[in-house]
Amino acid sequence: MQDSPTRGLSTEAANVAAPHSPRAVGMKINRGDLKMKSNFAELMAQRTDAELIEIVSRKSADYLPEALAEAQAELNKRKLSLDQKELANKSLDDIDAANRAKASIPLELRWKLRAFFIPKPSNLLIAKTFKAEGHLKKHDDVIKWSSLGGCFYIVLFSLLFLLGKLGLLK
């Protein structure tokens, strides 16, 4: 499952961390509120070093400028050495590599056959689950094989119908 910047946060905190997330829709954020600034500081203090480095360097577009400033302030407060920063970046790179590898794993043959021969709408839910878990290739394969199976049945029944109309099926 992909890690979200709002994982494990209250609704108010989630809105602060990711204002454009579905959880924040319809919620008004008062950027000038001092309480909100202290919330940023509290939230960022709870983050690991790797998470803070990721927020500042890789996911800055997902956060409000005030949250980014607090993340940077928290990093400065922790006075991480260059080795610690490199280790955190290596950890993030390893996680990214694992996510890329997971995303490229193809669908197993039994799932392809199931999707082809039983092309039902619930296959879309299965595909959605694969995508939510980061299995992007499996998501695409379920949709592809379900579509091919649906087309197969349409062609098969059309041919049977035509052969019956022509009197070739007895």
N, C-alpha and C. Protein backbone atom coordinates (compact mmCIF):
# COMPACT_ATOMS: atom_id res chain seq x y z
N MET A 1 0.83 -1.17 0.00
CA MET A 1 0.00 0.00 0.00
C MET A 1 0.88 1.23 0.00
N GLN A 2 0.53 2.19 -0.79
CA GLN A 2 1.34 3.38 -0.89
C GLN A 2 1.21 4.23 0.36
N ASP A 3 2.31 4.83 0.72
CA ASP A 3 2.32 5.66 1.90
C ASP A 3 1.75 7.02 1.55
N SER A 4 0.87 7.51 2.36
CA SER A 4 0.22 8.78 2.12
C SER A 4 0.72 9.80 3.13
N PRO A 5 0.84 11.08 2.73
CA PRO A 5 1.27 12.08 3.70
C PRO A 5 0.23 12.30 4.79
N THR A 6 -0.98 11.80 4.62
CA THR A 6 -2.03 11.99 5.63
C THR A 6 -2.27 10.73 6.44
N ARG A 7 -1.43 9.70 6.28
CA ARG A 7 -1.62 8.44 6.98
C ARG A 7 -1.59 8.65 8.48
N GLY A 8 -2.65 8.18 9.14
CA GLY A 8 -2.70 8.20 10.59
C GLY A 8 -2.94 9.57 11.21
N LEU A 9 -3.36 10.54 10.43
CA LEU A 9 -3.58 11.88 10.97
C LEU A 9 -5.06 12.15 11.15
N SER A 10 -5.39 13.04 12.08
CA SER A 10 -6.78 13.44 12.25
C SER A 10 -7.22 14.21 11.02
N THR A 11 -8.53 14.44 10.88
CA THR A 11 -9.05 15.15 9.71
C THR A 11 -8.42 16.53 9.58
N GLU A 12 -8.34 17.27 10.69
CA GLU A 12 -7.74 18.60 10.64
C GLU A 12 -6.27 18.51 10.24
N ALA A 13 -5.56 17.57 10.82
CA ALA A 13 -4.14 17.42 10.50
C ALA A 13 -3.96 16.95 9.07
N ALA A 14 -4.85 16.08 8.59
CA ALA A 14 -4.76 15.61 7.21
C ALA A 14 -4.98 16.77 6.25
N ASN A 15 -5.89 17.65 6.57
CA ASN A 15 -6.15 18.81 5.71
C ASN A 15 -4.92 19.71 5.65
N VAL A 16 -4.21 19.82 6.75
CA VAL A 16 -3.00 20.62 6.79
C VAL A 16 -1.92 19.99 5.93
N ALA A 17 -1.76 18.67 6.06
CA ALA A 17 -0.70 17.97 5.36
C ALA A 17 -0.95 17.90 3.85
N ALA A 18 -2.17 17.67 3.45
CA ALA A 18 -2.50 17.53 2.03
C ALA A 18 -3.83 18.22 1.76
N PRO A 19 -3.81 19.53 1.52
CA PRO A 19 -5.05 20.28 1.41
C PRO A 19 -5.92 19.91 0.22
N HIS A 20 -5.36 19.28 -0.78
CA HIS A 20 -6.13 18.95 -1.97
C HIS A 20 -6.57 17.49 -1.96
N SER A 21 -6.35 16.79 -0.86
CA SER A 21 -6.75 15.39 -0.78
C SER A 21 -8.27 15.31 -0.67
N PRO A 22 -8.84 14.12 -0.99
CA PRO A 22 -10.30 13.97 -0.88
C PRO A 22 -10.80 14.25 0.53
N ARG A 23 -9.98 14.01 1.56
CA ARG A 23 -10.41 14.25 2.92
C ARG A 23 -10.56 15.75 3.19
N ALA A 24 -9.88 16.57 2.40
CA ALA A 24 -9.89 18.01 2.66
C ALA A 24 -10.95 18.74 1.85
N VAL A 25 -11.60 18.06 0.92
CA VAL A 25 -12.59 18.71 0.08
C VAL A 25 -13.71 19.27 0.96
N GLY A 26 -14.04 20.49 0.75
CA GLY A 26 -15.11 21.11 1.50
C GLY A 26 -14.68 21.68 2.83
N MET A 27 -13.42 21.51 3.21
CA MET A 27 -12.93 22.04 4.47
C MET A 27 -12.19 23.34 4.20
N LYS A 28 -12.49 24.36 4.94
CA LYS A 28 -11.83 25.65 4.77
C LYS A 28 -10.62 25.72 5.69
N ILE A 29 -9.48 26.10 5.13
CA ILE A 29 -8.25 26.21 5.90
C ILE A 29 -7.91 27.68 6.04
N ASN A 30 -7.78 28.13 7.27
CA ASN A 30 -7.39 29.51 7.55
C ASN A 30 -5.88 29.55 7.70
N ARG A 31 -5.20 30.02 6.65
CA ARG A 31 -3.74 30.00 6.62
C ARG A 31 -3.11 30.93 7.64
N GLY A 32 -3.82 31.93 8.11
CA GLY A 32 -3.24 32.88 9.04
C GLY A 32 -3.38 32.48 10.49
N ASP A 33 -4.01 31.37 10.75
CA ASP A 33 -4.27 30.94 12.11
C ASP A 33 -2.98 30.48 12.79
N LEU A 34 -2.68 31.04 13.95
CA LEU A 34 -1.47 30.68 14.69
C LEU A 34 -1.56 29.24 15.21
N LYS A 35 -2.76 28.81 15.54
CA LYS A 35 -2.94 27.44 16.00
C LYS A 35 -2.50 26.46 14.92
N MET A 36 -2.81 26.79 13.66
CA MET A 36 -2.44 25.93 12.55
C MET A 36 -0.93 25.82 12.46
N LYS A 37 -0.22 26.92 12.69
CA LYS A 37 1.24 26.90 12.64
C LYS A 37 1.79 25.96 13.71
N SER A 38 1.20 25.98 14.90
CA SER A 38 1.66 25.06 15.94
C SER A 38 1.32 23.62 15.57
N ASN A 39 0.20 23.42 14.86
CA ASN A 39 -0.14 22.07 14.38
C ASN A 39 0.91 21.58 13.41
N PHE A 40 1.38 22.44 12.51
CA PHE A 40 2.43 22.06 11.57
C PHE A 40 3.66 21.61 12.34
N ALA A 41 4.05 22.39 13.33
CA ALA A 41 5.24 22.06 14.11
C ALA A 41 5.07 20.72 14.83
N GLU A 42 3.88 20.50 15.42
CA GLU A 42 3.62 19.24 16.13
C GLU A 42 3.64 18.06 15.16
N LEU A 43 3.01 18.25 14.01
CA LEU A 43 2.96 17.17 13.01
C LEU A 43 4.34 16.82 12.49
N MET A 44 5.12 17.83 12.20
CA MET A 44 6.45 17.59 11.65
C MET A 44 7.39 17.01 12.70
N ALA A 45 7.18 17.34 13.96
CA ALA A 45 8.01 16.79 15.03
C ALA A 45 7.77 15.28 15.18
N GLN A 46 6.59 14.80 14.77
CA GLN A 46 6.26 13.38 14.87
C GLN A 46 6.84 12.57 13.71
N ARG A 47 7.26 13.23 12.67
CA ARG A 47 7.78 12.54 11.48
C ARG A 47 9.20 12.03 11.71
N THR A 48 9.53 10.96 10.98
CA THR A 48 10.90 10.45 11.04
C THR A 48 11.80 11.35 10.19
N ASP A 49 13.10 11.18 10.36
CA ASP A 49 14.04 11.96 9.56
C ASP A 49 13.82 11.72 8.07
N ALA A 50 13.65 10.46 7.70
CA ALA A 50 13.44 10.13 6.29
C ALA A 50 12.17 10.77 5.75
N GLU A 51 11.11 10.76 6.56
CA GLU A 51 9.85 11.37 6.11
C GLU A 51 10.02 12.87 5.91
N LEU A 52 10.72 13.52 6.83
CA LEU A 52 10.94 14.97 6.69
C LEU A 52 11.76 15.28 5.45
N ILE A 53 12.80 14.50 5.22
CA ILE A 53 13.62 14.72 4.02
C ILE A 53 12.79 14.51 2.77
N GLU A 54 11.93 13.50 2.78
CA GLU A 54 11.06 13.24 1.63
C GLU A 54 10.08 14.40 1.41
N ILE A 55 9.51 14.92 2.48
CA ILE A 55 8.57 16.04 2.38
C ILE A 55 9.25 17.25 1.76
N VAL A 56 10.43 17.56 2.25
CA VAL A 56 11.14 18.76 1.80
C VAL A 56 11.69 18.61 0.39
N SER A 57 12.23 17.42 0.08
CA SER A 57 12.92 17.28 -1.21
C SER A 57 12.11 16.65 -2.32
N ARG A 58 11.18 15.75 -1.99
CA ARG A 58 10.51 15.00 -3.05
C ARG A 58 9.01 15.25 -3.16
N LYS A 59 8.36 15.63 -2.09
CA LYS A 59 6.90 15.79 -2.11
C LYS A 59 6.48 17.20 -1.74
N SER A 60 7.29 18.17 -2.05
CA SER A 60 7.00 19.54 -1.64
C SER A 60 5.71 20.07 -2.27
N ALA A 61 5.34 19.57 -3.44
CA ALA A 61 4.12 20.04 -4.09
C ALA A 61 2.86 19.56 -3.37
N ASP A 62 2.98 18.55 -2.52
CA ASP A 62 1.84 18.01 -1.81
C ASP A 62 1.51 18.75 -0.52
N TYR A 63 2.33 19.73 -0.14
CA TYR A 63 2.18 20.39 1.15
C TYR A 63 2.05 21.89 1.00
N LEU A 64 1.37 22.50 1.96
CA LEU A 64 1.27 23.96 2.02
C LEU A 64 2.66 24.54 2.32
N PRO A 65 2.92 25.77 1.86
CA PRO A 65 4.23 26.38 2.14
C PRO A 65 4.54 26.46 3.64
N GLU A 66 3.51 26.69 4.45
CA GLU A 66 3.72 26.76 5.90
C GLU A 66 4.18 25.41 6.45
N ALA A 67 3.60 24.33 5.94
CA ALA A 67 3.98 22.99 6.39
C ALA A 67 5.41 22.68 5.95
N LEU A 68 5.76 23.09 4.74
CA LEU A 68 7.13 22.87 4.26
C LEU A 68 8.14 23.63 5.11
N ALA A 69 7.79 24.85 5.48
CA ALA A 69 8.68 25.65 6.32
C ALA A 69 8.89 24.98 7.67
N GLU A 70 7.82 24.43 8.24
CA GLU A 70 7.94 23.73 9.53
C GLU A 70 8.74 22.44 9.39
N ALA A 71 8.58 21.74 8.25
CA ALA A 71 9.36 20.53 8.03
C ALA A 71 10.84 20.87 7.94
N GLN A 72 11.16 21.95 7.22
CA GLN A 72 12.55 22.38 7.11
C GLN A 72 13.09 22.82 8.47
N ALA A 73 12.27 23.52 9.23
CA ALA A 73 12.68 23.97 10.56
C ALA A 73 12.95 22.76 11.47
N GLU A 74 12.10 21.76 11.38
CA GLU A 74 12.30 20.55 12.19
C GLU A 74 13.58 19.83 11.79
N LEU A 75 13.85 19.76 10.49
CA LEU A 75 15.11 19.16 10.04
C LEU A 75 16.31 19.93 10.57
N ASN A 76 16.23 21.26 10.50
CA ASN A 76 17.33 22.10 11.01
C ASN A 76 17.50 21.90 12.51
N LYS A 77 16.38 21.77 13.22
CA LYS A 77 16.42 21.59 14.68
C LYS A 77 17.10 20.26 15.05
N ARG A 78 16.89 19.24 14.22
CA ARG A 78 17.47 17.92 14.50
C ARG A 78 18.96 17.85 14.20
N LYS A 79 19.47 18.81 13.43
CA LYS A 79 20.90 18.89 13.11
C LYS A 79 21.46 17.56 12.62
N LEU A 80 20.86 17.06 11.56
CA LEU A 80 21.29 15.78 11.00
C LEU A 80 22.65 15.94 10.34
N SER A 81 23.49 14.93 10.50
CA SER A 81 24.78 14.94 9.84
C SER A 81 24.59 14.59 8.37
N LEU A 82 25.60 14.82 7.57
CA LEU A 82 25.54 14.51 6.15
C LEU A 82 25.33 13.01 5.95
N ASP A 83 25.97 12.19 6.79
CA ASP A 83 25.81 10.74 6.69
C ASP A 83 24.37 10.32 6.97
N GLN A 84 23.75 10.95 7.96
CA GLN A 84 22.35 10.62 8.29
C GLN A 84 21.43 11.02 7.14
N LYS A 85 21.69 12.16 6.53
CA LYS A 85 20.86 12.58 5.39
C LYS A 85 21.04 11.64 4.21
N GLU A 86 22.29 11.23 3.95
CA GLU A 86 22.54 10.30 2.86
C GLU A 86 21.87 8.95 3.12
N LEU A 87 21.92 8.50 4.37
CA LEU A 87 21.28 7.24 4.73
C LEU A 87 19.75 7.33 4.54
N ALA A 88 19.17 8.46 4.93
CA ALA A 88 17.73 8.65 4.74
C ALA A 88 17.39 8.68 3.26
N ASN A 89 18.20 9.37 2.45
CA ASN A 89 17.96 9.42 1.01
C ASN A 89 18.11 8.03 0.39
N LYS A 90 19.09 7.26 0.85
CA LYS A 90 19.27 5.90 0.34
C LYS A 90 18.06 5.05 0.69
N SER A 91 17.56 5.22 1.90
CA SER A 91 16.36 4.50 2.33
C SER A 91 15.17 4.85 1.43
N LEU A 92 15.01 6.13 1.14
CA LEU A 92 13.92 6.57 0.26
C LEU A 92 14.11 6.02 -1.15
N ASP A 93 15.35 6.00 -1.63
CA ASP A 93 15.64 5.44 -2.95
C ASP A 93 15.30 3.95 -3.00
N ASP A 94 15.63 3.24 -1.91
CA ASP A 94 15.30 1.81 -1.85
C ASP A 94 13.80 1.59 -1.87
N ILE A 95 13.07 2.42 -1.15
CA ILE A 95 11.60 2.31 -1.14
C ILE A 95 11.06 2.61 -2.53
N ASP A 96 11.58 3.64 -3.19
CA ASP A 96 11.14 3.97 -4.55
C ASP A 96 11.42 2.82 -5.51
N ALA A 97 12.60 2.20 -5.39
CA ALA A 97 12.96 1.08 -6.26
C ALA A 97 12.03 -0.10 -6.01
N ALA A 98 11.71 -0.37 -4.75
CA ALA A 98 10.79 -1.46 -4.43
C ALA A 98 9.40 -1.18 -4.99
N ASN A 99 8.96 0.07 -4.90
CA ASN A 99 7.64 0.42 -5.45
C ASN A 99 7.62 0.29 -6.96
N ARG A 100 8.71 0.69 -7.63
CA ARG A 100 8.78 0.54 -9.09
C ARG A 100 8.77 -0.94 -9.49
N ALA A 101 9.50 -1.76 -8.71
CA ALA A 101 9.53 -3.20 -9.01
C ALA A 101 8.15 -3.81 -8.81
N LYS A 102 7.47 -3.42 -7.73
CA LYS A 102 6.13 -3.93 -7.47
C LYS A 102 5.16 -3.52 -8.58
N ALA A 103 5.31 -2.31 -9.07
CA ALA A 103 4.40 -1.79 -10.10
C ALA A 103 4.55 -2.52 -11.42
N SER A 104 5.70 -3.17 -11.65
CA SER A 104 5.93 -3.81 -12.94
C SER A 104 5.71 -5.32 -12.93
N ILE A 105 5.25 -5.88 -11.83
CA ILE A 105 4.99 -7.32 -11.76
C ILE A 105 3.72 -7.64 -12.55
N PRO A 106 3.83 -8.56 -13.54
CA PRO A 106 2.64 -8.87 -14.36
C PRO A 106 1.65 -9.77 -13.61
N LEU A 107 0.45 -9.84 -14.14
CA LEU A 107 -0.62 -10.66 -13.58
C LEU A 107 -0.31 -12.13 -13.83
N GLU A 108 -0.60 -12.98 -12.83
CA GLU A 108 -0.36 -14.42 -12.97
C GLU A 108 -1.34 -15.01 -13.99
N LEU A 109 -0.94 -16.13 -14.57
CA LEU A 109 -1.75 -16.78 -15.61
C LEU A 109 -3.15 -17.13 -15.12
N ARG A 110 -3.27 -17.63 -13.89
CA ARG A 110 -4.60 -18.01 -13.39
C ARG A 110 -5.53 -16.81 -13.31
N TRP A 111 -5.00 -15.62 -12.97
CA TRP A 111 -5.81 -14.41 -12.93
C TRP A 111 -6.18 -13.95 -14.35
N LYS A 112 -5.25 -14.11 -15.28
CA LYS A 112 -5.55 -13.75 -16.68
C LYS A 112 -6.68 -14.62 -17.22
N LEU A 113 -6.59 -15.93 -16.96
CA LEU A 113 -7.64 -16.85 -17.44
C LEU A 113 -8.98 -16.54 -16.79
N ARG A 114 -8.94 -16.27 -15.50
CA ARG A 114 -10.18 -15.94 -14.79
C ARG A 114 -10.81 -14.67 -15.37
N ALA A 115 -9.98 -13.66 -15.59
CA ALA A 115 -10.49 -12.39 -16.12
C ALA A 115 -11.02 -12.58 -17.55
N PHE A 116 -10.36 -13.44 -18.34
CA PHE A 116 -10.78 -13.65 -19.72
C PHE A 116 -12.08 -14.44 -19.80
N PHE A 117 -12.16 -15.56 -19.09
CA PHE A 117 -13.32 -16.43 -19.20
C PHE A 117 -14.50 -16.01 -18.33
N ILE A 118 -14.25 -15.18 -17.33
CA ILE A 118 -15.33 -14.67 -16.48
C ILE A 118 -15.21 -13.14 -16.42
N PRO A 119 -15.51 -12.48 -17.54
CA PRO A 119 -15.36 -11.01 -17.59
C PRO A 119 -16.55 -10.32 -16.93
N LYS A 120 -16.50 -10.20 -15.62
CA LYS A 120 -17.61 -9.62 -14.89
C LYS A 120 -17.22 -8.25 -14.33
N PRO A 121 -18.19 -7.42 -14.00
CA PRO A 121 -17.89 -6.08 -13.48
C PRO A 121 -17.05 -6.08 -12.21
N SER A 122 -17.15 -7.14 -11.40
CA SER A 122 -16.35 -7.16 -10.17
C SER A 122 -14.85 -7.23 -10.46
N ASN A 123 -14.49 -7.59 -11.69
CA ASN A 123 -13.07 -7.56 -12.05
C ASN A 123 -12.51 -6.14 -11.96
N LEU A 124 -13.37 -5.14 -12.16
CA LEU A 124 -12.91 -3.76 -12.03
C LEU A 124 -12.54 -3.45 -10.58
N LEU A 125 -13.27 -4.04 -9.63
CA LEU A 125 -12.92 -3.86 -8.22
C LEU A 125 -11.59 -4.53 -7.90
N ILE A 126 -11.37 -5.70 -8.50
CA ILE A 126 -10.09 -6.39 -8.31
C ILE A 126 -8.97 -5.54 -8.87
N ALA A 127 -9.18 -4.97 -10.06
CA ALA A 127 -8.17 -4.11 -10.68
C ALA A 127 -7.89 -2.89 -9.80
N LYS A 128 -8.96 -2.32 -9.24
CA LYS A 128 -8.79 -1.15 -8.37
C LYS A 128 -7.98 -1.50 -7.13
N THR A 129 -8.22 -2.68 -6.59
CA THR A 129 -7.45 -3.14 -5.42
C THR A 129 -5.98 -3.28 -5.77
N PHE A 130 -5.69 -3.88 -6.92
CA PHE A 130 -4.30 -4.01 -7.35
C PHE A 130 -3.65 -2.63 -7.46
N LYS A 131 -4.36 -1.68 -8.05
CA LYS A 131 -3.80 -0.34 -8.22
C LYS A 131 -3.56 0.33 -6.87
N ALA A 132 -4.49 0.17 -5.95
CA ALA A 132 -4.34 0.78 -4.62
C ALA A 132 -3.13 0.21 -3.88
N GLU A 133 -2.80 -1.04 -4.16
CA GLU A 133 -1.66 -1.68 -3.51
C GLU A 133 -0.35 -1.43 -4.25
N GLY A 134 -0.41 -0.66 -5.35
CA GLY A 134 0.80 -0.32 -6.09
C GLY A 134 1.15 -1.28 -7.21
N HIS A 135 0.28 -2.24 -7.50
CA HIS A 135 0.52 -3.20 -8.58
C HIS A 135 -0.10 -2.66 -9.87
N LEU A 136 0.58 -1.71 -10.49
CA LEU A 136 0.02 -1.03 -11.66
C LEU A 136 -0.09 -1.95 -12.88
N LYS A 137 0.89 -2.80 -13.11
CA LYS A 137 0.85 -3.72 -14.25
C LYS A 137 -0.29 -4.72 -14.08
N LYS A 138 -0.47 -5.23 -12.86
CA LYS A 138 -1.57 -6.17 -12.61
C LYS A 138 -2.91 -5.49 -12.84
N HIS A 139 -3.03 -4.22 -12.42
CA HIS A 139 -4.25 -3.45 -12.65
C HIS A 139 -4.56 -3.39 -14.15
N ASP A 140 -3.54 -3.00 -14.91
CA ASP A 140 -3.73 -2.89 -16.37
C ASP A 140 -4.06 -4.25 -16.99
N ASP A 141 -3.41 -5.31 -16.52
CA ASP A 141 -3.65 -6.64 -17.07
C ASP A 141 -5.07 -7.14 -16.79
N VAL A 142 -5.58 -6.90 -15.60
CA VAL A 142 -6.95 -7.34 -15.28
C VAL A 142 -7.94 -6.64 -16.22
N ILE A 143 -7.76 -5.36 -16.42
CA ILE A 143 -8.66 -4.62 -17.32
C ILE A 143 -8.52 -5.13 -18.74
N LYS A 144 -7.28 -5.34 -19.18
CA LYS A 144 -7.05 -5.82 -20.55
C LYS A 144 -7.69 -7.19 -20.78
N TRP A 145 -7.42 -8.15 -19.88
CA TRP A 145 -7.93 -9.50 -20.07
C TRP A 145 -9.44 -9.58 -19.89
N SER A 146 -10.01 -8.76 -19.03
CA SER A 146 -11.47 -8.73 -18.90
C SER A 146 -12.10 -8.16 -20.18
N SER A 147 -11.49 -7.14 -20.74
CA SER A 147 -11.99 -6.55 -21.99
C SER A 147 -11.89 -7.54 -23.13
N LEU A 148 -10.76 -8.23 -23.22
CA LEU A 148 -10.60 -9.24 -24.28
C LEU A 148 -11.62 -10.36 -24.11
N GLY A 149 -11.86 -10.78 -22.88
CA GLY A 149 -12.85 -11.83 -22.63
C GLY A 149 -14.25 -11.37 -23.01
N GLY A 150 -14.59 -10.15 -22.67
CA GLY A 150 -15.90 -9.61 -23.04
C GLY A 150 -16.06 -9.56 -24.55
N CYS A 151 -15.03 -9.12 -25.26
CA CYS A 151 -15.08 -9.09 -26.73
C CYS A 151 -15.20 -10.50 -27.30
N PHE A 152 -14.48 -11.45 -26.70
CA PHE A 152 -14.55 -12.84 -27.14
C PHE A 152 -15.98 -13.36 -27.08
N TYR A 153 -16.67 -13.11 -25.97
CA TYR A 153 -18.04 -13.59 -25.82
C TYR A 153 -18.99 -12.87 -26.78
N ILE A 154 -18.79 -11.61 -27.02
CA ILE A 154 -19.64 -10.87 -27.97
C ILE A 154 -19.48 -11.45 -29.36
N VAL A 155 -18.25 -11.69 -29.78
CA VAL A 155 -17.99 -12.27 -31.11
C VAL A 155 -18.56 -13.68 -31.18
N LEU A 156 -18.35 -14.49 -30.14
CA LEU A 156 -18.83 -15.86 -30.13
C LEU A 156 -20.35 -15.92 -30.25
N PHE A 157 -21.06 -15.14 -29.45
CA PHE A 157 -22.52 -15.15 -29.49
C PHE A 157 -23.04 -14.54 -30.79
N SER A 158 -22.34 -13.57 -31.34
CA SER A 158 -22.74 -13.00 -32.63
C SER A 158 -22.62 -14.04 -33.73
N LEU A 159 -21.52 -14.79 -33.73
CA LEU A 159 -21.34 -15.85 -34.73
C LEU A 159 -22.39 -16.94 -34.57
N LEU A 160 -22.66 -17.34 -33.34
CA LEU A 160 -23.69 -18.35 -33.11
C LEU A 160 -25.06 -17.86 -33.59
N PHE A 161 -25.37 -16.60 -33.34
CA PHE A 161 -26.64 -16.01 -33.77
C PHE A 161 -26.73 -16.02 -35.31
N LEU A 162 -25.65 -15.57 -35.97
CA LEU A 162 -25.64 -15.54 -37.43
C LEU A 162 -25.74 -16.94 -38.02
N LEU A 163 -25.00 -17.88 -37.48
CA LEU A 163 -25.06 -19.25 -37.97
C LEU A 163 -26.45 -19.83 -37.78
N GLY A 164 -27.11 -19.49 -36.68
CA GLY A 164 -28.49 -19.94 -36.45
C GLY A 164 -29.45 -19.32 -37.43
N LYS A 165 -29.29 -18.04 -37.76
CA LYS A 165 -30.17 -17.37 -38.72
C LYS A 165 -29.97 -17.94 -40.13
N LEU A 166 -28.74 -18.34 -40.43
CA LEU A 166 -28.47 -18.89 -41.75
C LEU A 166 -28.85 -20.38 -41.84
N GLY A 167 -29.24 -20.95 -40.74
CA GLY A 167 -29.66 -22.34 -40.72
C GLY A 167 -28.51 -23.32 -40.70
N LEU A 168 -27.32 -22.86 -40.38
CA LEU A 168 -26.16 -23.74 -40.38
C LEU A 168 -26.00 -24.48 -39.05
N LEU A 169 -26.77 -24.08 -38.05
CA LEU A 169 -26.73 -24.78 -36.76
C LEU A 169 -28.00 -25.60 -36.62
N LYS A 170 -27.89 -26.86 -36.48
CA LYS A 170 -29.07 -27.72 -36.35
C LYS A 170 -28.93 -28.63 -35.20
